[in-house]
Amino acid sequence: MIKLDIIQELVEKTGLSKSKAELAVETVFGCMKHALEQGHRIELRGFGVFQVRPRKTGMGRNPRTGVEVQIPPGKTVRFKPGKELQSMD
């Protein structure tokens, strides 16, 4: 499923115009992105939690040359599914 599928689903279920549905989806994703950039945790009950976590320094390898490369520390977004999402059959 891609963003356009989400927009289409919103149009079908709510009767909104495609442009308004697209604006709604873009607004939600934009707010989530902004919150994560600020280091906030996003909890969506019944769905899961998005959280920014530090990433350790590591060693990688260039697949073409085989030379080891230092991977700098950084931040990454982690998702932990909620109970309802985990118990899907």
N, C-alpha and C. Protein backbone atom coordinates (compact mmCIF):
# COMPACT_ATOMS: atom_id res chain seq x y z
N MET A 1 0.86 -1.18 0.00
CA MET A 1 0.00 0.00 0.00
C MET A 1 0.90 1.23 0.00
N ILE A 2 0.57 2.17 -0.84
CA ILE A 2 1.31 3.42 -0.92
C ILE A 2 0.40 4.57 -0.50
N LYS A 3 0.97 5.77 -0.43
CA LYS A 3 0.22 6.93 0.03
C LYS A 3 -1.03 7.18 -0.82
N LEU A 4 -0.92 6.97 -2.13
CA LEU A 4 -2.08 7.18 -3.00
C LEU A 4 -3.22 6.21 -2.66
N ASP A 5 -2.88 4.99 -2.24
CA ASP A 5 -3.89 4.02 -1.82
C ASP A 5 -4.61 4.50 -0.56
N ILE A 6 -3.87 5.09 0.36
CA ILE A 6 -4.47 5.62 1.59
C ILE A 6 -5.42 6.77 1.24
N ILE A 7 -4.99 7.64 0.34
CA ILE A 7 -5.83 8.76 -0.07
C ILE A 7 -7.11 8.25 -0.72
N GLN A 8 -6.99 7.27 -1.61
CA GLN A 8 -8.16 6.71 -2.30
C GLN A 8 -9.12 6.06 -1.30
N GLU A 9 -8.58 5.35 -0.33
CA GLU A 9 -9.41 4.72 0.71
C GLU A 9 -10.16 5.78 1.51
N LEU A 10 -9.50 6.88 1.82
CA LEU A 10 -10.13 7.98 2.55
C LEU A 10 -11.26 8.61 1.72
N VAL A 11 -11.03 8.76 0.43
CA VAL A 11 -12.07 9.30 -0.47
C VAL A 11 -13.29 8.39 -0.47
N GLU A 12 -13.06 7.09 -0.60
CA GLU A 12 -14.16 6.12 -0.66
C GLU A 12 -14.94 6.03 0.64
N LYS A 13 -14.24 6.07 1.77
CA LYS A 13 -14.92 5.89 3.05
C LYS A 13 -15.57 7.15 3.60
N THR A 14 -15.07 8.33 3.22
CA THR A 14 -15.61 9.56 3.79
C THR A 14 -16.39 10.42 2.80
N GLY A 15 -16.16 10.20 1.51
CA GLY A 15 -16.83 11.03 0.52
C GLY A 15 -16.15 12.37 0.30
N LEU A 16 -14.98 12.56 0.89
CA LEU A 16 -14.23 13.79 0.67
C LEU A 16 -13.74 13.84 -0.78
N SER A 17 -13.46 15.04 -1.24
CA SER A 17 -12.86 15.15 -2.57
C SER A 17 -11.42 14.65 -2.49
N LYS A 18 -10.88 14.27 -3.63
CA LYS A 18 -9.52 13.73 -3.64
C LYS A 18 -8.51 14.77 -3.15
N SER A 19 -8.71 16.04 -3.50
CA SER A 19 -7.76 17.07 -3.08
C SER A 19 -7.80 17.28 -1.56
N LYS A 20 -9.01 17.23 -0.97
CA LYS A 20 -9.12 17.39 0.49
C LYS A 20 -8.55 16.17 1.22
N ALA A 21 -8.79 14.98 0.66
CA ALA A 21 -8.24 13.77 1.27
C ALA A 21 -6.72 13.78 1.21
N GLU A 22 -6.18 14.24 0.09
CA GLU A 22 -4.73 14.32 -0.05
C GLU A 22 -4.15 15.33 0.94
N LEU A 23 -4.82 16.45 1.12
CA LEU A 23 -4.38 17.46 2.08
C LEU A 23 -4.40 16.89 3.50
N ALA A 24 -5.45 16.13 3.83
CA ALA A 24 -5.56 15.53 5.16
C ALA A 24 -4.42 14.55 5.41
N VAL A 25 -4.15 13.69 4.46
CA VAL A 25 -3.08 12.70 4.61
C VAL A 25 -1.72 13.40 4.71
N GLU A 26 -1.48 14.36 3.85
CA GLU A 26 -0.22 15.11 3.88
C GLU A 26 -0.05 15.84 5.21
N THR A 27 -1.14 16.39 5.74
CA THR A 27 -1.08 17.10 7.01
C THR A 27 -0.72 16.15 8.16
N VAL A 28 -1.35 14.98 8.19
CA VAL A 28 -1.06 14.00 9.24
C VAL A 28 0.40 13.56 9.16
N PHE A 29 0.86 13.20 7.96
CA PHE A 29 2.24 12.75 7.82
C PHE A 29 3.22 13.88 8.14
N GLY A 30 2.89 15.10 7.74
CA GLY A 30 3.74 16.24 8.03
C GLY A 30 3.86 16.49 9.53
N CYS A 31 2.74 16.38 10.24
CA CYS A 31 2.76 16.56 11.70
C CYS A 31 3.59 15.47 12.37
N MET A 32 3.46 14.24 11.88
CA MET A 32 4.23 13.14 12.44
C MET A 32 5.73 13.36 12.20
N LYS A 33 6.08 13.76 10.99
CA LYS A 33 7.48 14.01 10.65
C LYS A 33 8.06 15.12 11.53
N HIS A 34 7.30 16.20 11.70
CA HIS A 34 7.76 17.32 12.52
C HIS A 34 7.97 16.88 13.97
N ALA A 35 7.04 16.10 14.51
CA ALA A 35 7.15 15.63 15.89
C ALA A 35 8.39 14.75 16.06
N LEU A 36 8.65 13.88 15.10
CA LEU A 36 9.82 13.01 15.19
C LEU A 36 11.11 13.81 15.05
N GLU A 37 11.11 14.82 14.20
CA GLU A 37 12.28 15.68 14.07
C GLU A 37 12.60 16.39 15.38
N GLN A 38 11.57 16.71 16.16
CA GLN A 38 11.75 17.36 17.46
C GLN A 38 12.12 16.37 18.56
N GLY A 39 12.13 15.07 18.22
CA GLY A 39 12.49 14.05 19.20
C GLY A 39 11.32 13.53 20.01
N HIS A 40 10.09 13.87 19.62
CA HIS A 40 8.92 13.42 20.36
C HIS A 40 8.55 11.98 19.98
N ARG A 41 7.84 11.35 20.87
CA ARG A 41 7.34 9.99 20.68
C ARG A 41 5.91 10.10 20.19
N ILE A 42 5.53 9.29 19.19
CA ILE A 42 4.16 9.30 18.67
C ILE A 42 3.51 7.98 19.03
N GLU A 43 2.45 8.04 19.82
CA GLU A 43 1.73 6.84 20.24
C GLU A 43 0.34 6.86 19.63
N LEU A 44 0.05 5.85 18.83
CA LEU A 44 -1.28 5.69 18.22
C LEU A 44 -1.90 4.44 18.83
N ARG A 45 -2.78 4.63 19.79
CA ARG A 45 -3.36 3.50 20.51
C ARG A 45 -3.98 2.50 19.55
N GLY A 46 -3.68 1.23 19.78
CA GLY A 46 -4.21 0.17 18.94
C GLY A 46 -3.39 -0.05 17.68
N PHE A 47 -2.46 0.85 17.39
CA PHE A 47 -1.64 0.71 16.19
C PHE A 47 -0.18 0.50 16.56
N GLY A 48 0.41 1.47 17.27
CA GLY A 48 1.79 1.32 17.67
C GLY A 48 2.43 2.63 18.07
N VAL A 49 3.75 2.57 18.25
CA VAL A 49 4.52 3.72 18.73
C VAL A 49 5.69 3.97 17.78
N PHE A 50 5.85 5.22 17.36
CA PHE A 50 7.00 5.66 16.59
C PHE A 50 7.90 6.43 17.54
N GLN A 51 9.21 6.13 17.49
CA GLN A 51 10.12 6.76 18.42
C GLN A 51 11.49 6.95 17.75
N VAL A 52 12.13 8.09 18.02
CA VAL A 52 13.47 8.34 17.51
C VAL A 52 14.46 7.75 18.50
N ARG A 53 15.40 6.96 17.97
CA ARG A 53 16.39 6.32 18.82
C ARG A 53 17.78 6.56 18.27
N PRO A 54 18.77 6.60 19.13
CA PRO A 54 20.15 6.76 18.64
C PRO A 54 20.63 5.48 17.95
N ARG A 55 21.46 5.66 16.94
CA ARG A 55 22.05 4.53 16.22
C ARG A 55 23.54 4.54 16.53
N LYS A 56 24.06 3.37 16.87
CA LYS A 56 25.47 3.26 17.25
C LYS A 56 26.39 3.37 16.04
N THR A 57 27.64 3.70 16.35
CA THR A 57 28.68 3.67 15.33
C THR A 57 28.92 2.21 14.96
N GLY A 58 29.23 1.97 13.71
CA GLY A 58 29.46 0.59 13.30
C GLY A 58 30.44 0.52 12.15
N MET A 59 30.73 -0.69 11.76
CA MET A 59 31.60 -0.93 10.62
C MET A 59 30.76 -1.59 9.53
N GLY A 60 30.91 -1.09 8.32
CA GLY A 60 30.23 -1.67 7.18
C GLY A 60 31.25 -2.04 6.13
N ARG A 61 30.78 -2.57 5.03
CA ARG A 61 31.69 -2.97 3.98
C ARG A 61 31.13 -2.53 2.64
N ASN A 62 31.96 -1.90 1.83
CA ASN A 62 31.57 -1.51 0.49
C ASN A 62 31.42 -2.79 -0.33
N PRO A 63 30.22 -3.08 -0.87
CA PRO A 63 30.03 -4.34 -1.59
C PRO A 63 30.84 -4.45 -2.88
N ARG A 64 31.20 -3.35 -3.49
CA ARG A 64 31.97 -3.39 -4.74
C ARG A 64 33.45 -3.67 -4.50
N THR A 65 34.00 -2.98 -3.51
CA THR A 65 35.45 -3.07 -3.30
C THR A 65 35.83 -3.97 -2.12
N GLY A 66 34.90 -4.19 -1.21
CA GLY A 66 35.19 -4.99 -0.03
C GLY A 66 35.90 -4.21 1.07
N VAL A 67 36.11 -2.91 0.85
CA VAL A 67 36.79 -2.07 1.84
C VAL A 67 35.85 -1.78 3.00
N GLU A 68 36.40 -1.88 4.23
CA GLU A 68 35.58 -1.57 5.40
C GLU A 68 35.36 -0.07 5.49
N VAL A 69 34.15 0.31 5.91
CA VAL A 69 33.76 1.71 5.99
C VAL A 69 33.19 1.97 7.38
N GLN A 70 33.61 3.07 7.99
CA GLN A 70 33.08 3.47 9.29
C GLN A 70 31.68 4.07 9.09
N ILE A 71 30.68 3.58 9.82
CA ILE A 71 29.32 4.12 9.76
C ILE A 71 29.16 5.04 10.96
N PRO A 72 28.89 6.33 10.72
CA PRO A 72 28.82 7.29 11.83
C PRO A 72 27.55 7.08 12.68
N PRO A 73 27.61 7.51 13.95
CA PRO A 73 26.41 7.42 14.77
C PRO A 73 25.35 8.38 14.24
N GLY A 74 24.12 8.09 14.52
CA GLY A 74 23.04 8.95 14.06
C GLY A 74 21.76 8.63 14.80
N LYS A 75 20.66 8.99 14.20
CA LYS A 75 19.36 8.72 14.78
C LYS A 75 18.52 7.97 13.75
N THR A 76 17.63 7.15 14.24
CA THR A 76 16.74 6.41 13.36
C THR A 76 15.36 6.32 13.99
N VAL A 77 14.34 6.15 13.19
CA VAL A 77 12.98 6.03 13.69
C VAL A 77 12.67 4.54 13.85
N ARG A 78 12.17 4.19 15.00
CA ARG A 78 11.77 2.81 15.29
C ARG A 78 10.25 2.77 15.44
N PHE A 79 9.66 1.65 15.02
CA PHE A 79 8.22 1.44 15.18
C PHE A 79 8.02 0.19 15.99
N LYS A 80 7.20 0.29 17.03
CA LYS A 80 6.84 -0.87 17.83
C LYS A 80 5.34 -1.05 17.70
N PRO A 81 4.89 -2.15 17.09
CA PRO A 81 3.46 -2.34 16.90
C PRO A 81 2.72 -2.53 18.23
N GLY A 82 1.47 -2.06 18.27
CA GLY A 82 0.62 -2.23 19.44
C GLY A 82 0.08 -3.65 19.51
N LYS A 83 -0.55 -3.97 20.62
CA LYS A 83 -1.08 -5.32 20.85
C LYS A 83 -2.08 -5.73 19.78
N GLU A 84 -2.97 -4.82 19.40
CA GLU A 84 -3.99 -5.15 18.40
C GLU A 84 -3.35 -5.45 17.04
N LEU A 85 -2.31 -4.75 16.70
CA LEU A 85 -1.63 -4.96 15.42
C LEU A 85 -0.81 -6.24 15.46
N GLN A 86 -0.23 -6.57 16.60
CA GLN A 86 0.56 -7.78 16.73
C GLN A 86 -0.30 -9.04 16.67
N SER A 87 -1.53 -8.94 17.13
CA SER A 87 -2.37 -10.13 17.22
C SER A 87 -3.20 -10.37 15.95
N MET A 88 -2.78 -9.78 14.84
CA MET A 88 -3.48 -10.00 13.59
C MET A 88 -3.30 -11.44 13.13
N ASP A 89 -4.33 -12.05 12.64
CA ASP A 89 -4.24 -13.43 12.15
C ASP A 89 -4.28 -13.48 10.65
